[in-house]
Amino acid sequence: MITLISIFRPLRAARGALLAGSVVMLAACGTAPVEVARDDDLDDLLATIPQRQQPEKPEMVPAPRGAGYYQDDGPHAMIPANLDQVPDAIPRVESLYRPSLRPYRVMGQRFEPMTELGPYREVGHASWYGRKFHGRKTAIGETYDMYAMTAAHPTLPLPSYARVTNTGNGRSVIVRVNDRGPFLRGRLIDLSYAAAHRLGFINAGSARVEVELLLPEDIDVAEAAVREIRPVYVADAHAAGADAPDAAQAGSLAHSVTAAARAPYLQLGAFDTPANAAHLMVRVREELEMLTDQLHLLDGDGRYRLQIGPFASVDEARRFAGRVLATLEVQPYLVMR
């Protein structure tokens, strides 16, 4: 059976006439090839339609060997090459997924999730989860992507945003919490493969971290900082020879800006022990040729924070942030004090 489909459309308005389009013959049965006949006018029209560009596939590299993970999990054999450049999640206030806020039991333990955003800061051990769950549904029905900046937590509201800091090396990321877990005792949070990579504990499998829930006022400040800082920061970082971060990274850099601030500093890390902070201080002195009076090690709340400053202006701090990122591969944070 042959189905004839005629297409009529106005072509070349200058002619002031309607030209009959081509008749397309489709073979509805058998294995005969589809025959398409077009007139010159339809060919001309089709030539003006831009072809859809296929997205470029990311460069893939072999996953590192010896990574710490559970026997039935782990990374894919090939992973994206640019995981160092995966930006932080961009915080925003979202409606909570109510079914995920009910108390529940797993592995003999009872968990009672937070039912609204509120103050939360805990220190504990983080692990990561990979290909076993990649592509599966999270607790709020989204698809888990191990190469995105996400996390699972047993009690934080879903979805929400948290700042996770590796207390061993001072690295910090912002993740979107959209799943439940981990349920093993002694584990505080499960991070995506990309987030664990950014925090530097893929091979170790776990790390001691500080988890801080971002509240609406934190998100409002971060969004305002992104709008204010991004254009200048990108230009200055490019001039300094660094890879310019996107809005999410600029927001991460500027999260601690406050109206009551007096002088800009760059914070390079927050550590559990003064020895870890001192190790980074030595690198800063050697690789950035910093003077001793420009480096500040602050002791408070059991943390040791290494900061550079003060700078004459916020613009100067932004310019120097690009140099820090390019030289030390450390993402600094702009703080005002």
Protein backbone atom coordinates (compact mmCIF):
# COMPACT_ATOMS: atom_id res chain seq x y z
CA MET A 1 0.00 0.00 0.00
CA ILE A 2 1.35 3.45 -0.93
CA THR A 3 0.44 6.57 1.04
CA LEU A 4 0.72 9.87 -0.80
CA ILE A 5 1.32 13.01 1.23
CA SER A 6 1.16 16.37 -0.54
CA ILE A 7 2.75 19.42 1.06
CA PHE A 8 1.53 22.88 0.02
CA ARG A 9 3.14 26.01 1.38
CA PRO A 10 3.87 29.56 0.08
CA LEU A 11 7.31 29.78 -1.47
CA ARG A 12 9.09 32.87 -2.73
CA ALA A 13 6.56 35.53 -1.85
CA ALA A 14 7.94 37.76 -4.57
CA ARG A 15 6.25 35.51 -7.14
CA GLY A 16 2.90 36.10 -5.42
CA ALA A 17 1.77 32.52 -5.92
CA LEU A 18 1.49 29.27 -4.05
CA LEU A 19 3.64 26.49 -5.42
CA ALA A 20 2.73 22.91 -4.80
CA GLY A 21 5.35 21.15 -2.74
CA SER A 22 6.75 17.76 -3.41
CA VAL A 23 4.87 14.55 -3.18
CA VAL A 24 6.56 12.22 -0.74
CA MET A 25 6.02 8.55 -1.37
CA LEU A 26 6.31 6.30 1.66
CA ALA A 27 6.37 2.55 1.39
CA ALA A 28 4.12 1.34 4.21
CA CYS A 29 4.99 -2.28 3.73
CA GLY A 30 7.85 -4.31 2.30
CA THR A 31 11.48 -3.28 2.38
CA ALA A 32 11.56 -0.86 -0.54
CA PRO A 33 13.58 2.30 0.20
CA VAL A 34 11.74 5.56 0.80
CA GLU A 35 11.68 7.67 -2.36
CA VAL A 36 11.55 11.44 -1.89
CA ALA A 37 10.92 13.74 -4.85
CA ARG A 38 11.35 17.50 -4.36
CA ASP A 39 10.94 20.40 -6.75
CA ASP A 40 13.54 23.14 -7.01
CA ASP A 41 11.60 25.53 -4.81
CA LEU A 42 11.40 23.09 -1.92
CA ASP A 43 15.11 22.38 -2.26
CA ASP A 44 15.84 26.08 -2.01
CA LEU A 45 13.65 26.38 1.07
CA LEU A 46 15.25 23.42 2.79
CA ALA A 47 18.67 24.87 2.11
CA THR A 48 17.78 27.90 4.24
CA ILE A 49 16.94 25.82 7.32
CA PRO A 50 19.97 25.62 9.68
CA GLN A 51 21.04 22.12 10.55
CA ARG A 52 20.90 21.17 14.21
CA GLN A 53 24.38 20.91 15.67
CA GLN A 54 25.18 17.77 17.58
CA PRO A 55 26.56 18.54 21.05
CA GLU A 56 30.22 17.77 21.45
CA LYS A 57 30.92 14.71 23.53
CA PRO A 58 33.16 15.38 26.53
CA GLU A 59 36.70 14.08 26.38
CA MET A 60 36.94 10.84 28.32
CA VAL A 61 39.95 9.47 30.19
CA PRO A 62 40.57 6.24 32.14
CA ALA A 63 39.37 6.39 35.75
CA PRO A 64 42.18 6.39 38.33
CA ARG A 65 43.06 3.01 39.70
CA GLY A 66 42.94 2.16 43.36
CA ALA A 67 40.02 4.48 44.13
CA GLY A 68 38.27 3.75 47.42
CA TYR A 69 34.72 2.47 46.95
CA TYR A 70 32.46 -0.43 47.82
CA GLN A 71 33.09 -3.62 45.88
CA ASP A 72 29.91 -3.41 43.81
CA ASP A 73 30.23 0.31 43.08
CA GLY A 74 32.92 2.66 41.81
CA PRO A 75 33.59 4.80 38.74
CA HIS A 76 33.02 3.91 35.11
CA ALA A 77 36.07 2.66 33.22
CA MET A 78 36.17 5.99 31.38
CA ILE A 79 35.27 9.27 33.06
CA PRO A 80 35.04 12.90 31.86
CA ALA A 81 38.43 14.58 31.70
CA ASN A 82 37.24 17.92 33.03
CA LEU A 83 35.93 16.97 36.48
CA ASP A 84 38.18 19.62 38.05
CA GLN A 85 36.14 22.21 36.16
CA VAL A 86 32.67 21.01 37.15
CA PRO A 87 31.14 24.12 38.77
CA ASP A 88 29.47 24.23 42.15
CA ALA A 89 25.72 23.81 42.25
CA ILE A 90 24.02 27.21 42.04
CA PRO A 91 21.94 27.63 45.21
CA ARG A 92 18.34 28.74 44.93
CA VAL A 93 15.28 28.48 47.13
CA GLU A 94 13.18 25.50 45.98
CA SER A 95 9.93 23.97 47.15
CA LEU A 96 10.60 20.99 49.38
CA TYR A 97 9.53 17.53 48.27
CA ARG A 98 7.07 16.70 51.03
CA PRO A 99 7.07 12.88 50.73
CA SER A 100 10.81 12.90 51.53
CA LEU A 101 10.28 14.73 54.83
CA ARG A 102 8.50 11.90 56.65
CA PRO A 103 10.34 9.84 59.31
CA TYR A 104 11.58 6.49 57.99
CA ARG A 105 13.52 3.38 58.97
CA VAL A 106 16.47 1.85 57.10
CA MET A 107 18.84 -0.91 58.27
CA GLY A 108 17.36 -0.89 61.75
CA GLN A 109 17.81 2.86 62.18
CA ARG A 110 15.12 5.51 62.44
CA PHE A 111 15.68 8.82 60.68
CA GLU A 112 13.61 11.97 61.19
CA PRO A 113 14.28 14.47 58.37
CA MET A 114 14.20 18.22 58.85
CA THR A 115 10.88 19.56 57.58
CA GLU A 116 12.14 23.05 56.76
CA LEU A 117 15.37 24.89 56.11
CA GLY A 118 17.09 25.76 59.38
CA PRO A 119 20.55 26.07 60.93
CA TYR A 120 22.62 22.92 60.40
CA ARG A 121 26.35 22.40 60.68
CA GLU A 122 27.91 19.04 61.42
CA VAL A 123 31.34 17.46 61.12
CA GLY A 124 31.67 13.81 60.16
CA HIS A 125 32.81 11.39 57.48
CA ALA A 126 31.79 11.65 53.84
CA SER A 127 31.84 8.89 51.25
CA TRP A 128 30.85 8.88 47.58
CA TYR A 129 28.63 6.76 45.36
CA GLY A 130 29.09 6.04 41.68
CA ARG A 131 28.10 3.85 38.77
CA LYS A 132 25.88 1.47 40.76
CA PHE A 133 23.39 4.29 41.23
CA HIS A 134 24.20 6.38 38.15
CA GLY A 135 20.99 6.84 36.14
CA ARG A 136 18.73 5.60 38.93
CA LYS A 137 16.04 7.69 40.59
CA THR A 138 16.87 9.66 43.71
CA ALA A 139 14.59 9.99 46.74
CA ILE A 140 12.76 12.89 45.06
CA GLY A 141 12.39 11.20 41.69
CA GLU A 142 15.29 12.86 39.87
CA THR A 143 17.92 10.94 37.91
CA TYR A 144 21.21 10.56 39.75
CA ASP A 145 24.18 11.87 37.79
CA MET A 146 27.49 10.96 39.38
CA TYR A 147 29.20 13.72 37.36
CA ALA A 148 27.01 16.52 38.75
CA MET A 149 27.49 18.37 42.04
CA THR A 150 24.93 16.57 44.19
CA ALA A 151 24.77 14.72 47.49
CA ALA A 152 22.68 12.37 49.61
CA HIS A 153 21.95 13.04 53.28
CA PRO A 154 19.73 11.08 55.69
CA THR A 155 17.93 14.05 57.28
CA LEU A 156 18.50 17.33 55.41
CA PRO A 157 15.41 18.69 53.62
CA LEU A 158 15.14 17.71 49.96
CA PRO A 159 16.02 19.45 47.80
CA SER A 160 18.43 21.83 49.53
CA TYR A 161 21.95 23.15 49.16
CA ALA A 162 24.96 22.61 51.40
CA ARG A 163 28.54 23.75 51.59
CA VAL A 164 30.83 20.77 52.16
CA THR A 165 34.42 21.38 53.27
CA ASN A 166 37.16 18.77 53.42
CA THR A 167 38.74 19.54 56.78
CA GLY A 168 41.95 17.81 55.76
CA ASN A 169 42.83 20.03 52.80
CA GLY A 170 40.45 22.99 53.15
CA ARG A 171 38.74 22.43 49.79
CA SER A 172 35.08 23.38 49.69
CA VAL A 173 32.18 22.83 47.28
CA ILE A 174 28.48 23.60 47.11
CA VAL A 175 26.23 20.65 46.33
CA ARG A 176 22.52 20.16 45.76
CA VAL A 177 21.17 17.59 48.23
CA ASN A 178 18.57 15.55 46.36
CA ASP A 179 18.81 12.02 47.74
CA ARG A 180 18.74 9.99 50.96
CA GLY A 181 21.72 8.18 52.42
CA PRO A 182 24.25 7.11 53.56
CA PHE A 183 22.80 4.62 56.02
CA LEU A 184 26.00 3.04 57.35
CA ARG A 185 26.80 4.14 60.87
CA GLY A 186 29.57 6.68 61.07
CA ARG A 187 28.78 8.25 57.68
CA LEU A 188 27.46 11.82 57.55
CA ILE A 189 26.96 12.41 53.83
CA ASP A 190 27.32 10.67 50.47
CA LEU A 191 28.70 12.83 47.66
CA SER A 192 28.59 12.40 43.92
CA TYR A 193 31.77 11.24 42.21
CA ALA A 194 32.34 14.76 40.85
CA ALA A 195 31.97 16.39 44.27
CA ALA A 196 34.31 13.88 45.91
CA HIS A 197 36.81 14.48 43.10
CA ARG A 198 36.67 18.23 43.69
CA LEU A 199 37.21 17.67 47.42
CA GLY A 200 40.18 15.40 46.75
CA PHE A 201 39.19 12.08 48.34
CA ILE A 202 38.31 9.82 45.41
CA ASN A 203 41.27 7.52 46.09
CA ALA A 204 40.82 7.50 49.86
CA GLY A 205 37.12 6.73 49.53
CA SER A 206 36.14 8.87 52.50
CA ALA A 207 37.16 12.08 54.24
CA ARG A 208 36.31 14.10 57.31
CA VAL A 209 34.12 16.99 56.23
CA GLU A 210 32.07 19.84 57.59
CA VAL A 211 28.54 20.11 56.18
CA GLU A 212 26.69 23.43 56.43
CA LEU A 213 23.14 23.84 55.15
CA LEU A 214 22.62 27.02 53.13
CA LEU A 215 19.67 29.04 54.37
CA PRO A 216 17.49 31.38 52.28
CA GLU A 217 19.41 34.43 53.51
CA ASP A 218 22.71 32.77 52.49
CA ILE A 219 21.27 32.04 49.06
CA ASP A 220 20.03 35.62 48.67
CA VAL A 221 23.52 36.95 49.49
CA ALA A 222 25.15 34.50 47.08
CA GLU A 223 22.77 35.42 44.25
CA ALA A 224 23.40 39.14 44.83
CA ALA A 225 27.15 38.51 44.86
CA VAL A 226 26.97 36.62 41.58
CA ARG A 227 25.14 39.51 39.92
CA GLU A 228 27.59 42.07 41.30
CA ILE A 229 30.90 40.25 40.98
CA ARG A 230 30.72 37.98 37.95
CA PRO A 231 31.41 40.48 35.12
CA VAL A 232 34.48 42.02 36.77
CA TYR A 233 35.81 38.77 38.21
CA VAL A 234 35.75 36.95 34.88
CA ALA A 235 37.56 39.76 33.11
CA ASP A 236 40.16 40.14 35.85
CA ALA A 237 40.80 36.42 36.13
CA HIS A 238 41.31 36.21 32.38
CA ALA A 239 43.79 39.07 32.52
CA ALA A 240 45.65 37.25 35.27
CA GLY A 241 46.01 34.18 33.06
CA ALA A 242 43.57 32.01 35.00
CA ASP A 243 40.64 30.02 33.71
CA ALA A 244 37.64 32.26 34.36
CA PRO A 245 35.06 30.57 36.63
CA ASP A 246 31.38 30.66 35.80
CA ALA A 247 28.62 32.22 37.87
CA ALA A 248 28.42 29.29 40.26
CA GLN A 249 32.12 29.53 41.07
CA ALA A 250 31.92 33.30 41.42
CA GLY A 251 29.03 32.81 43.82
CA SER A 252 31.11 30.29 45.77
CA LEU A 253 33.94 32.83 45.90
CA ALA A 254 31.67 35.56 47.17
CA HIS A 255 29.38 33.69 49.53
CA SER A 256 30.66 35.40 52.66
CA VAL A 257 30.28 38.99 51.51
CA THR A 258 28.35 40.97 54.11
CA ALA A 259 27.16 44.52 54.33
CA ALA A 260 28.99 45.07 57.60
CA ALA A 261 32.40 44.12 56.13
CA ARG A 262 35.30 46.53 56.29
CA ALA A 263 38.28 45.07 54.41
CA PRO A 264 38.52 42.31 51.78
CA TYR A 265 40.54 39.16 52.39
CA LEU A 266 40.89 35.88 50.48
CA GLN A 267 40.38 32.73 52.51
CA LEU A 268 42.35 29.77 51.14
CA GLY A 269 41.11 27.06 53.47
CA ALA A 270 39.80 26.04 56.88
CA PHE A 271 41.59 23.19 58.65
CA ASP A 272 41.21 20.96 61.69
CA THR A 273 44.85 21.25 62.70
CA PRO A 274 47.40 24.07 62.54
CA ALA A 275 49.83 21.67 60.85
CA ASN A 276 47.61 21.35 57.77
CA ALA A 277 47.18 25.11 57.61
CA ALA A 278 50.92 25.61 57.98
CA HIS A 279 51.59 23.25 55.08
CA LEU A 280 49.47 25.42 52.78
CA MET A 281 51.06 28.55 54.21
CA VAL A 282 54.49 27.31 53.13
CA ARG A 283 53.20 26.72 49.59
CA VAL A 284 51.70 30.20 49.46
CA ARG A 285 54.94 31.82 50.59
CA GLU A 286 57.02 29.89 48.08
CA GLU A 287 54.77 29.87 45.00
CA LEU A 288 53.11 33.26 45.39
CA GLU A 289 56.07 34.95 47.10
CA MET A 290 53.81 36.29 49.80
CA LEU A 291 55.18 38.29 52.71
CA THR A 292 54.59 37.02 56.23
CA ASP A 293 52.52 40.03 57.22
CA GLN A 294 50.12 39.33 54.32
CA LEU A 295 49.22 35.87 55.62
CA HIS A 296 46.86 35.38 58.54
CA LEU A 297 46.11 32.17 60.41
CA LEU A 298 42.90 32.62 62.42
CA ASP A 299 41.95 30.25 65.22
CA GLY A 300 38.24 30.02 66.05
CA ASP A 301 35.54 27.40 66.60
CA GLY A 302 38.20 24.71 66.52
CA ARG A 303 39.15 25.61 62.93
CA TYR A 304 42.31 27.18 61.53
CA ARG A 305 41.57 29.53 58.65
CA LEU A 306 44.32 30.74 56.33
CA GLN A 307 43.64 34.14 54.78
CA ILE A 308 45.51 36.61 52.58
CA GLY A 309 45.02 40.34 52.91
CA PRO A 310 43.86 42.90 53.50
CA PHE A 311 43.49 44.16 49.92
CA ALA A 312 43.02 47.80 49.01
CA SER A 313 39.72 47.00 47.27
CA VAL A 314 37.41 44.16 46.35
CA ASP A 315 38.56 44.47 42.73
CA GLU A 316 42.16 43.93 43.78
CA ALA A 317 41.13 40.84 45.77
CA ARG A 318 39.30 39.48 42.73
CA ARG A 319 42.35 39.95 40.54
CA PHE A 320 44.55 38.16 43.02
CA ALA A 321 41.98 35.34 43.32
CA GLY A 322 42.64 34.48 39.68
CA ARG A 323 46.34 34.21 40.40
CA VAL A 324 45.72 31.98 43.42
CA LEU A 325 43.49 29.66 41.41
CA ALA A 326 45.96 29.44 38.52
CA THR A 327 49.06 28.91 40.68
CA LEU A 328 47.87 26.83 43.62
CA GLU A 329 44.75 25.23 42.10
CA VAL A 330 42.94 26.38 45.23
CA GLN A 331 39.56 28.13 44.97
CA PRO A 332 39.70 31.12 47.34
CA TYR A 333 36.71 32.72 49.05
CA LEU A 334 36.22 36.44 49.38
CA VAL A 335 35.61 37.41 53.01
CA MET A 336 35.18 40.84 54.55
CA ARG A 337 36.33 41.62 58.08
